[in-house]
Amino acid sequence: MAEPGRAPGGRAPGRRAPGGRARRFRSVRARTTLGAVAVVLVALLVGAAAFVVVLRLVLLDGVRTSAEAGLEQASSRVETDGAAAVSGYEDVLVQVVDEDGSVLAHGDDADPPALPTADESRWDHDGERWLLVADDVDLPGGGEATLVYGVSLEQSDTALRAAVGLLAFGVPALVVVMGIVTWVVTGRSLRPVERMRTEVDTIRTAQPDARVEVPDTGDEIARLATTMNAMLERLDRSAEGQRRFVSDASHELRSPIATIRQHAEVAAAHPERVDVGELSDVVRSEALRLQDLVSALLELSRLDEGGIGAVRPVDLDDVALDAVARARTRAGAGDDGAVLVDGAGIGPARVLGNERVLTGVVRNLVDNAVRHAATRVSVGLVDVDGDAVLTVDDDGAGVPPGERDRVFDRFVRLDDARSRDVGGAGLGLAIVRDAVRAHGGTVQVTDAPLGGARFVVRIALGG
């Protein structure tokens, strides 16, 4: 039993799961904020450090200029009035030091010992830092000495400390404010994306027409919503096509199976009334129908996966001539009432493709033409502007203009004359379309010079 005050899973009520915080910090909002904070923090730190260095140099240069000006003035007085001229200087450090290091004279704030005589020395005096400058002077009574002049660095140090303090407070405060602003702005910018994600997540099969709301902003989010709706539309059409395809395939498979089962049950119930040869013919015929249907479905499945197998140069004219010879044999050329299959218009053409798939394309077109022709089928193959153009004409009833796109859909039969016994399962032209597209070509149906339908296939030459 769970402890009092704890949820059944062992966590205290309201406590976030361990992975929740990690997922939150992996969000685009968190990464954007952290990235912006890091970049701005580094930039501000570098800028602050550079500012402090430059400010220090500027302040020091001001103190140095002031010290050199005071040194020049004091030197003039010492060379004119002697070393005692510095005795009245206050708030600065002034000493006249002889060559032995003895202090000859000094200002009110520069009691001995002697100050360093090196130019631009630093000196701590009475808790302050001083900048010392020095110069050689000629004493009026003869001889030389060194005049040391010092200016306090207290004001520059105070200004520098104030600047560092302000930066130490201002940089973190600015980074925090910038992080908060980035977090809020990014969250508001991503709010439509989260809304779209929620809407897409709630779409179910029962709502295939559901779409995400497109914000009226005209920005990237609106374009994303439009693209997502287009994707959902394509998925909806694809799912509908798959459902229709499965339904049609199931219906087509059910018919021969039912026929075989019916004859088998009759033969089992009344063996004396069933001729074995007739039963064998029925079973063989329906089995062939099943075999052809399954082969067509497998071919469509392979084409749907976008693969046509190995590609190599294929002599399309040889494929077309073979299909013509095969059609003549199956149509019984030379018999009264047989369909004449003419291949005189076949010229040389080589393409890059899969020979097995291309053979299926040409055979399906020729068989379809023979099936619907009255007396004649004509097959042609020519080279037009770098394309191999295959034409298959018949003198049948043709295809109405309004049906010329639909005729390539799966399980489509345009009229009762194209029954299962005459026109197959309605997959041949669908295989032709998908196979030609897989080869980068096009296929269309128009009116034939013979009066029926003309199927035109264009595939780029190659090899």
Protein backbone atom coordinates (compact mmCIF):
# COMPACT_ATOMS: atom_id res chain seq x y z
CA MET A 1 0.00 0.00 0.00
CA ALA A 2 1.27 3.45 -0.84
CA GLU A 3 2.53 5.60 1.99
CA PRO A 4 0.29 8.46 3.14
CA GLY A 5 0.95 11.56 1.12
CA ARG A 6 2.49 9.61 -1.73
CA ALA A 7 1.15 8.69 -5.13
CA PRO A 8 0.89 4.99 -5.97
CA GLY A 9 4.03 5.21 -8.09
CA GLY A 10 6.12 6.18 -5.05
CA ARG A 11 6.36 9.89 -5.89
CA ALA A 12 4.99 12.64 -3.73
CA PRO A 13 1.87 14.26 -5.24
CA GLY A 14 2.73 17.04 -7.63
CA ARG A 15 6.37 15.99 -7.94
CA ARG A 16 7.60 15.92 -11.51
CA ALA A 17 8.91 12.66 -12.87
CA PRO A 18 12.72 12.54 -13.06
CA GLY A 19 12.68 12.55 -16.86
CA GLY A 20 10.28 15.49 -17.07
CA ARG A 21 12.85 18.08 -16.07
CA ALA A 22 15.41 16.62 -18.45
CA ARG A 23 12.89 16.65 -21.30
CA ARG A 24 11.99 20.24 -20.47
CA PHE A 25 15.60 21.34 -20.69
CA ARG A 26 15.92 19.50 -24.02
CA SER A 27 13.12 21.63 -25.47
CA VAL A 28 13.74 24.19 -28.18
CA ARG A 29 12.65 26.93 -25.79
CA ALA A 30 15.18 25.94 -23.14
CA ARG A 31 18.01 25.39 -25.63
CA THR A 32 17.33 28.73 -27.30
CA THR A 33 17.29 30.55 -23.97
CA LEU A 34 20.42 28.84 -22.67
CA GLY A 35 22.24 29.45 -25.95
CA ALA A 36 21.28 33.12 -26.01
CA VAL A 37 22.25 33.54 -22.35
CA ALA A 38 25.62 31.87 -22.91
CA VAL A 39 26.43 33.97 -25.98
CA VAL A 40 25.38 37.24 -24.36
CA LEU A 41 27.17 36.39 -21.10
CA VAL A 42 30.44 35.68 -22.89
CA ALA A 43 30.08 38.83 -25.00
CA LEU A 44 29.33 40.97 -21.95
CA LEU A 45 32.20 39.49 -19.93
CA VAL A 46 34.65 40.11 -22.75
CA GLY A 47 33.25 43.60 -23.27
CA ALA A 48 33.36 44.37 -19.54
CA ALA A 49 36.94 43.18 -19.23
CA ALA A 50 37.98 45.26 -22.23
CA PHE A 51 36.13 48.28 -20.82
CA VAL A 52 37.87 47.95 -17.45
CA VAL A 53 41.28 47.68 -19.09
CA VAL A 54 40.66 50.68 -21.32
CA LEU A 55 39.21 52.72 -18.45
CA ARG A 56 42.22 51.91 -16.29
CA LEU A 57 44.60 52.98 -19.03
CA VAL A 58 42.67 56.20 -19.63
CA LEU A 59 42.59 57.09 -15.92
CA LEU A 60 46.25 56.25 -15.51
CA ASP A 61 47.11 58.35 -18.53
CA GLY A 62 45.23 61.28 -16.99
CA VAL A 63 47.13 60.91 -13.72
CA ARG A 64 50.42 60.63 -15.62
CA THR A 65 49.67 63.77 -17.60
CA SER A 66 48.85 65.64 -14.41
CA ALA A 67 52.05 64.38 -12.73
CA GLU A 68 54.24 65.34 -15.69
CA ALA A 69 52.72 68.81 -15.79
CA GLY A 70 53.37 69.28 -12.06
CA LEU A 71 56.91 67.90 -12.48
CA GLU A 72 57.68 70.38 -15.26
CA GLN A 73 56.42 73.29 -13.19
CA ALA A 74 58.34 72.18 -10.09
CA SER A 75 61.53 71.67 -12.13
CA SER A 76 61.37 75.24 -13.36
CA ARG A 77 61.02 76.55 -9.82
CA VAL A 78 63.85 74.39 -8.48
CA GLU A 79 66.21 75.44 -11.26
CA THR A 80 65.32 79.06 -10.56
CA ASP A 81 64.91 79.27 -6.78
CA GLY A 82 66.78 76.20 -5.60
CA ALA A 83 65.70 73.00 -3.88
CA ALA A 84 63.85 74.85 -1.15
CA ALA A 85 61.24 75.92 -3.70
CA VAL A 86 59.41 72.59 -3.20
CA SER A 87 58.91 73.01 0.55
CA GLY A 88 55.46 74.50 0.16
CA TYR A 89 53.89 71.76 -2.00
CA GLU A 90 50.83 70.05 -0.48
CA ASP A 91 48.60 67.11 -1.55
CA VAL A 92 51.41 65.85 -3.78
CA LEU A 93 54.71 64.11 -3.06
CA VAL A 94 57.72 66.24 -4.00
CA GLN A 95 61.36 65.62 -3.12
CA VAL A 96 64.70 66.84 -4.37
CA VAL A 97 67.18 63.98 -4.05
CA ASP A 98 70.89 64.39 -4.62
CA GLU A 99 73.15 61.89 -6.31
CA ASP A 100 73.89 60.16 -2.96
CA GLY A 101 70.19 59.50 -2.33
CA SER A 102 69.88 62.18 0.36
CA VAL A 103 66.73 64.31 0.44
CA LEU A 104 67.77 67.93 -0.11
CA ALA A 105 64.25 69.29 0.18
CA HIS A 106 60.69 67.99 0.23
CA GLY A 107 57.09 69.08 0.20
CA ASP A 108 54.80 69.04 3.20
CA ASP A 109 53.55 65.47 2.50
CA ALA A 110 56.86 63.90 1.40
CA ASP A 111 58.98 63.46 4.48
CA PRO A 112 62.15 61.32 4.20
CA PRO A 113 63.19 58.64 3.42
CA ALA A 114 63.86 59.32 -0.22
CA LEU A 115 61.26 58.35 -2.77
CA PRO A 116 62.15 56.00 -5.68
CA THR A 117 63.78 58.00 -8.46
CA ALA A 118 62.77 55.62 -11.26
CA ASP A 119 60.28 57.26 -13.64
CA GLU A 120 56.64 56.14 -13.32
CA SER A 121 57.17 54.19 -10.11
CA ARG A 122 54.32 53.19 -7.81
CA TRP A 123 54.52 54.12 -4.13
CA ASP A 124 52.24 53.36 -1.19
CA HIS A 125 51.99 56.26 1.24
CA ASP A 126 49.45 56.86 4.00
CA GLY A 127 47.29 54.06 2.70
CA GLU A 128 47.17 55.44 -0.83
CA ARG A 129 48.84 54.50 -4.08
CA TRP A 130 50.89 57.18 -5.80
CA LEU A 131 52.33 57.53 -9.28
CA LEU A 132 55.88 58.95 -9.19
CA VAL A 133 57.61 60.70 -12.07
CA ALA A 134 61.19 61.97 -11.91
CA ASP A 135 63.51 64.30 -13.84
CA ASP A 136 67.05 65.59 -13.46
CA VAL A 137 67.37 69.27 -12.51
CA ASP A 138 70.30 71.70 -12.34
CA LEU A 139 70.59 73.45 -9.00
CA PRO A 140 71.29 77.25 -9.06
CA GLY A 141 74.45 76.93 -6.97
CA GLY A 142 75.82 74.22 -9.19
CA GLY A 143 75.38 70.52 -9.14
CA GLU A 144 72.58 68.25 -10.19
CA ALA A 145 69.76 66.52 -8.37
CA THR A 146 66.70 64.44 -9.15
CA LEU A 147 63.26 65.91 -8.70
CA VAL A 148 60.60 63.32 -7.81
CA TYR A 149 56.96 64.32 -8.18
CA GLY A 150 54.06 62.04 -7.13
CA VAL A 151 50.30 62.27 -7.74
CA SER A 152 47.77 60.20 -5.84
CA LEU A 153 45.98 57.36 -7.71
CA GLU A 154 43.12 57.35 -5.23
CA GLN A 155 40.58 59.04 -7.50
CA SER A 156 41.37 56.81 -10.47
CA ASP A 157 41.29 53.71 -8.27
CA THR A 158 37.94 54.81 -6.82
CA ALA A 159 36.50 55.39 -10.30
CA LEU A 160 37.83 52.01 -11.46
CA ARG A 161 36.35 50.21 -8.45
CA ALA A 162 33.01 51.92 -9.04
CA ALA A 163 33.02 50.83 -12.69
CA VAL A 164 33.90 47.24 -11.75
CA GLY A 165 31.15 47.22 -9.13
CA LEU A 166 28.57 48.50 -11.59
CA LEU A 167 29.63 45.93 -14.17
CA ALA A 168 29.59 43.14 -11.58
CA PHE A 169 25.97 44.00 -10.84
CA GLY A 170 24.87 45.09 -14.31
CA VAL A 171 26.18 42.18 -16.38
CA PRO A 172 24.37 39.43 -14.41
CA ALA A 173 21.23 41.56 -14.18
CA LEU A 174 21.27 42.19 -17.93
CA VAL A 175 21.86 38.49 -18.64
CA VAL A 176 18.95 37.52 -16.37
CA VAL A 177 16.63 40.03 -18.00
CA MET A 178 17.72 38.91 -21.46
CA GLY A 179 17.16 35.26 -20.48
CA ILE A 180 13.66 36.02 -19.20
CA VAL A 181 12.79 37.98 -22.34
CA THR A 182 14.15 35.22 -24.57
CA TRP A 183 12.23 32.56 -22.63
CA VAL A 184 8.97 34.51 -22.89
CA VAL A 185 9.38 35.51 -26.54
CA THR A 186 10.46 32.01 -27.60
CA GLY A 187 7.56 30.49 -25.69
CA ARG A 188 5.08 32.78 -27.40
CA SER A 189 6.66 32.10 -30.78
CA LEU A 190 6.48 28.33 -30.25
CA ARG A 191 2.96 28.38 -28.83
CA PRO A 192 1.36 27.90 -32.27
CA VAL A 193 3.73 24.98 -32.91
CA GLU A 194 2.69 23.33 -29.65
CA ARG A 195 -0.95 23.93 -30.53
CA MET A 196 -0.41 22.30 -33.93
CA ARG A 197 1.35 19.36 -32.29
CA THR A 198 -1.60 18.89 -29.95
CA GLU A 199 -4.08 19.12 -32.81
CA VAL A 200 -2.15 16.59 -34.89
CA ASP A 201 -1.84 14.29 -31.88
CA THR A 202 -5.64 14.29 -31.46
CA ILE A 203 -6.31 13.37 -35.09
CA ARG A 204 -7.58 9.81 -35.26
CA THR A 205 -8.76 7.50 -37.99
CA ALA A 206 -12.32 8.51 -37.19
CA GLN A 207 -11.41 12.10 -38.15
CA PRO A 208 -9.48 11.74 -41.41
CA ASP A 209 -10.53 15.21 -42.59
CA ALA A 210 -9.27 17.03 -39.46
CA ARG A 211 -6.67 19.72 -40.14
CA VAL A 212 -4.59 22.10 -38.05
CA GLU A 213 -5.51 25.76 -37.75
CA VAL A 214 -3.41 28.06 -39.94
CA PRO A 215 -2.57 31.29 -38.05
CA ASP A 216 -3.21 34.51 -39.94
CA THR A 217 0.36 35.76 -39.58
CA GLY A 218 2.00 34.95 -42.90
CA ASP A 219 5.22 33.88 -41.16
CA GLU A 220 7.12 30.60 -40.94
CA ILE A 221 4.57 29.17 -38.49
CA ALA A 222 1.74 29.79 -40.95
CA ARG A 223 3.76 28.16 -43.74
CA LEU A 224 4.49 25.21 -41.46
CA ALA A 225 0.77 24.80 -40.74
CA THR A 226 -0.02 24.96 -44.46
CA THR A 227 2.64 22.37 -45.23
CA MET A 228 1.39 20.15 -42.41
CA ASN A 229 -2.16 20.34 -43.74
CA ALA A 230 -0.90 19.41 -47.20
CA MET A 231 0.94 16.45 -45.67
CA LEU A 232 -2.20 15.38 -43.80
CA GLU A 233 -4.14 15.65 -47.04
CA ARG A 234 -1.63 13.41 -48.80
CA LEU A 235 -1.69 10.92 -45.93
CA ASP A 236 -5.48 10.93 -45.99
CA ARG A 237 -5.54 10.26 -49.72
CA SER A 238 -2.90 7.57 -49.33
CA ALA A 239 -4.80 5.88 -46.50
CA GLU A 240 -8.03 6.06 -48.48
CA GLY A 241 -6.26 4.60 -51.49
CA GLN A 242 -4.83 1.79 -49.38
CA ARG A 243 -8.23 1.02 -47.88
CA ARG A 244 -9.83 0.98 -51.30
CA PHE A 245 -6.98 -1.12 -52.69
CA VAL A 246 -7.30 -3.69 -49.89
CA SER A 247 -11.07 -3.80 -50.36
CA ASP A 248 -10.80 -4.26 -54.11
CA ALA A 249 -8.03 -6.85 -53.77
CA SER A 250 -10.08 -8.77 -51.22
CA HIS A 251 -13.07 -8.71 -53.55
CA GLU A 252 -11.02 -9.88 -56.51
CA LEU A 253 -9.41 -12.68 -54.50
CA ARG A 254 -12.75 -13.77 -53.05
CA SER A 255 -14.29 -14.46 -56.48
CA PRO A 256 -11.94 -17.23 -57.73
CA ILE A 257 -11.68 -18.72 -54.25
CA ALA A 258 -15.49 -18.88 -54.02
CA THR A 259 -15.67 -20.47 -57.46
CA ILE A 260 -13.12 -23.15 -56.58
CA ARG A 261 -14.83 -23.82 -53.25
CA GLN A 262 -18.28 -24.04 -54.84
CA HIS A 263 -17.19 -26.60 -57.45
CA ALA A 264 -15.27 -28.57 -54.83
CA GLU A 265 -18.29 -28.71 -52.52
CA VAL A 266 -20.55 -29.81 -55.37
CA ALA A 267 -18.04 -32.49 -56.35
CA ALA A 268 -17.83 -33.71 -52.77
CA ALA A 269 -21.61 -33.77 -52.31
CA HIS A 270 -22.49 -35.23 -55.72
CA PRO A 271 -19.44 -36.93 -57.19
CA GLU A 272 -21.54 -38.78 -59.73
CA ARG A 273 -22.75 -35.49 -61.27
CA VAL A 274 -19.35 -33.78 -61.64
CA ASP A 275 -17.04 -34.47 -64.52
CA VAL A 276 -13.42 -34.64 -63.32
CA GLY A 277 -12.14 -32.96 -66.44
CA GLU A 278 -14.59 -30.08 -66.08
CA LEU A 279 -13.69 -29.66 -62.40
CA SER A 280 -10.00 -29.72 -63.29
CA ASP A 281 -10.51 -27.04 -65.95
CA VAL A 282 -12.41 -24.80 -63.52
CA VAL A 283 -9.83 -25.18 -60.75
CA ARG A 284 -6.96 -24.62 -63.18
CA SER A 285 -8.61 -21.52 -64.69
CA GLU A 286 -9.40 -19.95 -61.32
CA ALA A 287 -5.94 -20.83 -60.00
CA LEU A 288 -4.39 -19.03 -62.97
CA ARG A 289 -6.57 -16.03 -62.20
CA LEU A 290 -5.35 -16.11 -58.62
CA GLN A 291 -1.77 -16.46 -59.75
CA ASP A 292 -2.04 -13.52 -62.16
CA LEU A 293 -3.75 -11.38 -59.53
CA VAL A 294 -1.17 -12.17 -56.83
CA SER A 295 1.68 -11.53 -59.30
CA ALA A 296 0.15 -8.17 -60.20
CA LEU A 297 -0.28 -7.24 -56.54
CA LEU A 298 3.33 -8.15 -55.79
CA GLU A 299 4.53 -6.10 -58.75
CA LEU A 300 2.54 -3.09 -57.57
CA SER A 301 3.92 -3.57 -54.06
CA ARG A 302 7.48 -3.53 -55.40
CA LEU A 303 6.77 -0.40 -57.43
CA ASP A 304 5.14 1.29 -54.43
CA GLU A 305 8.36 0.77 -52.52
CA GLY A 306 10.12 2.78 -55.22
CA GLY A 307 12.38 0.03 -56.47
CA ILE A 308 12.67 -1.44 -59.97
CA GLY A 309 15.71 -3.58 -59.25
CA ALA A 310 18.96 -3.54 -61.20
CA VAL A 311 19.20 -0.96 -63.98
CA ARG A 312 21.15 -1.52 -67.18
CA PRO A 313 20.87 -0.58 -70.89
CA VAL A 314 17.79 -2.23 -72.41
CA ASP A 315 17.03 -2.50 -76.14
CA LEU A 316 13.41 -1.44 -75.99
CA ASP A 317 12.88 -2.40 -79.62
CA ASP A 318 13.74 -6.05 -78.82
CA VAL A 319 11.27 -5.96 -75.93
CA ALA A 320 8.55 -4.51 -78.21
CA LEU A 321 9.19 -7.03 -80.99
CA ASP A 322 9.03 -9.89 -78.49
CA ALA A 323 5.71 -8.56 -77.14
CA VAL A 324 4.32 -8.34 -80.68
CA ALA A 325 5.38 -11.92 -81.49
CA ARG A 326 3.87 -13.14 -78.23
CA ALA A 327 0.59 -11.30 -78.91
CA ARG A 328 0.39 -12.75 -82.43
CA THR A 329 0.76 -16.24 -81.04
CA ARG A 330 -1.88 -15.73 -78.36
CA ALA A 331 -4.29 -13.98 -80.78
CA GLY A 332 -3.95 -16.76 -83.39
CA ALA A 333 -2.58 -14.64 -86.26
CA GLY A 334 -3.71 -15.85 -89.63
CA ASP A 335 -7.06 -17.26 -88.43
CA ASP A 336 -10.33 -15.78 -89.57
CA GLY A 337 -11.51 -13.08 -87.16
CA ALA A 338 -8.15 -12.87 -85.37
CA VAL A 339 -6.69 -9.49 -84.38
CA LEU A 340 -3.76 -8.42 -86.55
CA VAL A 341 -0.79 -7.17 -84.48
CA ASP A 342 1.47 -4.91 -86.57
CA GLY A 343 5.00 -4.14 -85.39
CA ALA A 344 6.30 -2.49 -88.55
CA GLY A 345 6.65 0.87 -86.82
CA ILE A 346 9.17 -0.39 -84.25
CA GLY A 347 12.55 1.33 -84.62
CA PRO A 348 15.77 0.99 -82.59
CA ALA A 349 15.83 2.61 -79.13
CA ARG A 350 17.85 1.90 -76.02
CA VAL A 351 16.97 3.05 -72.51
CA LEU A 352 18.34 2.61 -68.99
CA GLY A 353 16.02 0.46 -66.94
CA ASN A 354 15.02 -2.94 -65.66
CA GLU A 355 14.34 -5.32 -68.54
CA ARG A 356 11.83 -7.44 -66.60
CA VAL A 357 9.77 -4.40 -65.59
CA LEU A 358 9.90 -2.86 -69.07
CA THR A 359 8.87 -6.18 -70.60
CA GLY A 360 5.83 -6.16 -68.31
CA VAL A 361 4.99 -2.59 -69.41
CA VAL A 362 5.05 -3.40 -73.14
CA ARG A 363 3.23 -6.73 -72.75
CA ASN A 364 0.48 -5.17 -70.64
CA LEU A 365 -0.08 -2.43 -73.21
CA VAL A 366 -0.10 -4.83 -76.16
CA ASP A 367 -2.33 -7.36 -74.38
CA ASN A 368 -4.71 -4.55 -73.37
CA ALA A 369 -4.86 -3.34 -76.99
CA VAL A 370 -5.48 -6.85 -78.34
CA ARG A 371 -8.20 -7.39 -75.77
CA HIS A 372 -10.13 -4.29 -76.85
CA ALA A 373 -9.29 -4.11 -80.58
CA ALA A 374 -11.78 -4.97 -83.26
CA THR A 375 -9.37 -6.19 -85.92
CA ARG A 376 -6.01 -4.50 -85.63
CA VAL A 377 -3.29 -3.38 -83.20
CA SER A 378 -0.28 -1.29 -84.24
CA VAL A 379 2.92 -0.95 -82.15
CA GLY A 380 5.51 1.77 -82.87
CA LEU A 381 8.79 2.88 -81.31
CA VAL A 382 10.68 6.01 -82.38
CA ASP A 383 13.35 8.39 -81.06
CA VAL A 384 11.91 11.89 -80.44
CA ASP A 385 14.06 14.64 -78.90
CA GLY A 386 16.16 12.23 -76.85
CA ASP A 387 13.19 10.17 -75.69
CA ALA A 388 12.12 6.68 -76.69
CA VAL A 389 8.43 7.06 -77.60
CA LEU A 390 6.42 3.82 -77.59
CA THR A 391 2.91 3.90 -79.09
CA VAL A 392 0.32 1.12 -78.94
CA ASP A 393 -2.82 1.72 -81.06
CA ASP A 394 -6.02 -0.29 -81.46
CA ASP A 395 -9.18 0.12 -83.51
CA GLY A 396 -11.55 -0.59 -80.64
CA ALA A 397 -14.00 1.65 -78.85
CA GLY A 398 -11.27 3.87 -77.38
CA VAL A 399 -11.22 5.60 -74.00
CA PRO A 400 -13.54 8.58 -73.35
CA PRO A 401 -11.61 11.85 -72.59
CA GLY A 402 -13.13 12.05 -69.13
CA GLU A 403 -11.83 8.59 -68.21
CA ARG A 404 -8.27 8.88 -69.54
CA ASP A 405 -6.73 9.56 -66.14
CA ARG A 406 -8.91 7.14 -64.21
CA VAL A 407 -8.11 4.28 -66.56
CA PHE A 408 -4.69 4.02 -64.91
CA ASP A 409 -6.16 3.60 -61.42
CA ARG A 410 -6.14 0.19 -59.79
CA PHE A 411 -9.09 -2.18 -60.24
CA VAL A 412 -10.74 0.16 -62.74
CA ARG A 413 -12.92 -1.24 -65.54
CA LEU A 414 -14.59 1.36 -67.70
CA ASP A 415 -17.56 -0.70 -68.89
CA ASP A 416 -19.22 -4.06 -68.72
CA ALA A 417 -17.39 -5.21 -71.82
CA ARG A 418 -14.17 -5.15 -69.80
CA SER A 419 -15.28 -7.94 -67.48
CA ARG A 420 -13.04 -10.19 -65.45
CA ASP A 421 -13.13 -12.79 -68.15
CA VAL A 422 -12.15 -10.27 -70.83
CA GLY A 423 -10.23 -7.53 -69.11
CA GLY A 424 -8.54 -9.12 -66.08
CA ALA A 425 -8.59 -7.55 -62.63
CA GLY A 426 -7.93 -3.99 -63.80
CA LEU A 427 -4.32 -3.85 -62.60
CA GLY A 428 -2.40 -3.97 -65.89
CA LEU A 429 -2.55 -0.25 -66.71
CA ALA A 430 -1.88 0.65 -63.06
CA ILE A 431 1.32 -1.42 -63.27
CA VAL A 432 2.19 0.34 -66.54
CA ARG A 433 1.80 3.80 -64.98
CA ASP A 434 3.81 3.04 -61.84
CA ALA A 435 6.53 1.21 -63.75
CA VAL A 436 6.96 4.03 -66.28
CA ARG A 437 7.09 6.60 -63.50
CA ALA A 438 9.73 4.52 -61.73
CA HIS A 439 11.82 4.83 -64.92
CA GLY A 440 11.37 8.61 -64.94
CA GLY A 441 8.96 8.50 -67.87
CA THR A 442 5.33 9.34 -68.63
CA VAL A 443 2.36 7.46 -70.05
CA GLN A 444 -0.88 8.85 -71.44
CA VAL A 445 -3.83 7.75 -73.57
CA THR A 446 -5.16 9.64 -76.59
CA ASP A 447 -7.12 8.92 -79.74
CA ALA A 448 -5.49 6.49 -82.13
CA PRO A 449 -5.31 6.98 -85.93
CA LEU A 450 -6.98 3.56 -86.19
CA GLY A 451 -10.02 4.95 -84.39
CA GLY A 452 -9.53 3.42 -80.96
CA ALA A 453 -7.14 4.22 -78.10
CA ARG A 454 -3.48 5.14 -78.37
CA PHE A 455 -1.20 4.61 -75.34
CA VAL A 456 1.99 6.70 -75.49
CA VAL A 457 5.00 5.95 -73.27
CA ARG A 458 8.02 8.32 -73.16
CA ILE A 459 11.28 7.26 -71.49
CA ALA A 460 14.61 9.04 -71.82
CA LEU A 461 17.18 7.33 -74.04
CA GLY A 462 20.27 6.00 -72.31
CA GLY A 463 23.03 3.46 -72.46
